[in-house]
Protein backbone atom coordinates (compact mmCIF):
# COMPACT_ATOMS: atom_id res chain seq x y z
CA MET A 1 -119.12 -185.11 111.45
CA LEU A 2 -119.50 -181.49 112.49
CA SER A 3 -117.29 -179.97 115.13
CA TYR A 4 -118.88 -178.36 118.17
CA GLN A 5 -118.41 -174.90 116.63
CA GLN A 6 -119.86 -175.97 113.26
CA THR A 7 -122.88 -177.47 115.02
CA LEU A 8 -123.40 -174.27 116.99
CA ASP A 9 -123.09 -172.19 113.82
CA PHE A 10 -125.57 -174.44 112.00
CA VAL A 11 -128.12 -174.27 114.83
CA ASN A 12 -127.76 -170.49 114.91
CA TYR A 13 -128.29 -170.47 111.14
CA LEU A 14 -131.44 -172.58 111.54
CA MET A 15 -132.77 -170.26 114.25
CA SER A 16 -132.13 -167.20 112.08
CA LYS A 17 -133.91 -168.89 109.17
CA ASP A 18 -136.92 -170.05 111.21
CA PRO A 19 -137.06 -170.01 115.03
CA HIS A 20 -139.56 -172.87 114.88
CA TYR A 21 -137.19 -175.15 112.94
CA PRO A 22 -137.40 -178.07 115.42
CA ALA A 23 -141.01 -178.54 114.28
CA TRP A 24 -139.93 -179.08 110.65
CA SER A 25 -140.15 -182.82 111.16
CA GLU A 26 -141.97 -185.28 113.35
CA SER A 27 -139.71 -187.36 115.50
CA GLU A 28 -139.80 -190.71 117.19
CA GLU A 29 -137.91 -191.80 120.30
CA TYR A 30 -136.02 -195.07 120.19
CA LYS A 31 -134.55 -196.84 123.20
CA ASP A 32 -131.56 -199.05 122.39
CA LEU A 33 -131.57 -201.85 124.95
CA THR A 34 -128.28 -203.23 123.62
CA GLN A 35 -126.28 -200.13 124.62
CA ARG A 36 -126.12 -198.54 128.05
CA ASN A 37 -124.72 -195.32 129.44
CA GLU A 38 -122.36 -195.07 132.43
CA ALA A 39 -125.30 -195.29 134.86
CA GLY A 40 -126.48 -198.52 133.19
CA ASN A 41 -129.54 -196.98 131.56
CA PRO A 42 -130.47 -197.72 127.92
CA ILE A 43 -129.40 -195.09 125.41
CA TRP A 44 -132.20 -193.06 123.82
CA TYR A 45 -132.14 -191.75 120.25
CA LEU A 46 -134.37 -189.22 118.56
CA ILE A 47 -135.18 -190.23 114.99
CA LEU A 48 -136.43 -187.64 112.50
CA LYS A 49 -139.14 -188.94 110.20
CA LYS A 50 -138.56 -186.31 107.47
CA PRO A 51 -134.95 -185.09 107.59
CA GLU A 52 -135.03 -183.46 104.13
CA PRO A 53 -135.76 -179.90 105.36
CA PHE A 54 -132.76 -180.08 107.68
CA TYR A 55 -130.53 -181.47 104.94
CA ASP A 56 -131.65 -178.78 102.49
CA ALA A 57 -130.93 -176.10 105.12
CA TYR A 58 -127.52 -177.67 105.74
CA LEU A 59 -126.70 -177.47 102.03
CA GLU A 60 -127.68 -173.78 102.04
CA PHE A 61 -125.58 -173.24 105.16
CA LYS A 62 -122.53 -174.85 103.55
CA ALA A 63 -123.05 -172.96 100.29
CA LYS A 64 -122.85 -169.66 102.17
CA GLY A 65 -119.29 -170.62 103.09
CA THR A 66 -119.77 -170.58 106.82
CA ARG A 67 -117.06 -172.44 108.67
């Protein structure tokens, strides 16, 4: 799991690589009716259909020795 700072650094890396990076993959919303938040609403998840570009970018990010 990435820390808050590592996540921020990775997102900044993605934006510097390609400002349109969120469009690298189609996504699908999933509502989990078995889990609820504090307000009692179902928890929503965003599922990437093709995570490989993000994983490849993460490997590049880690290889550069950033935090």
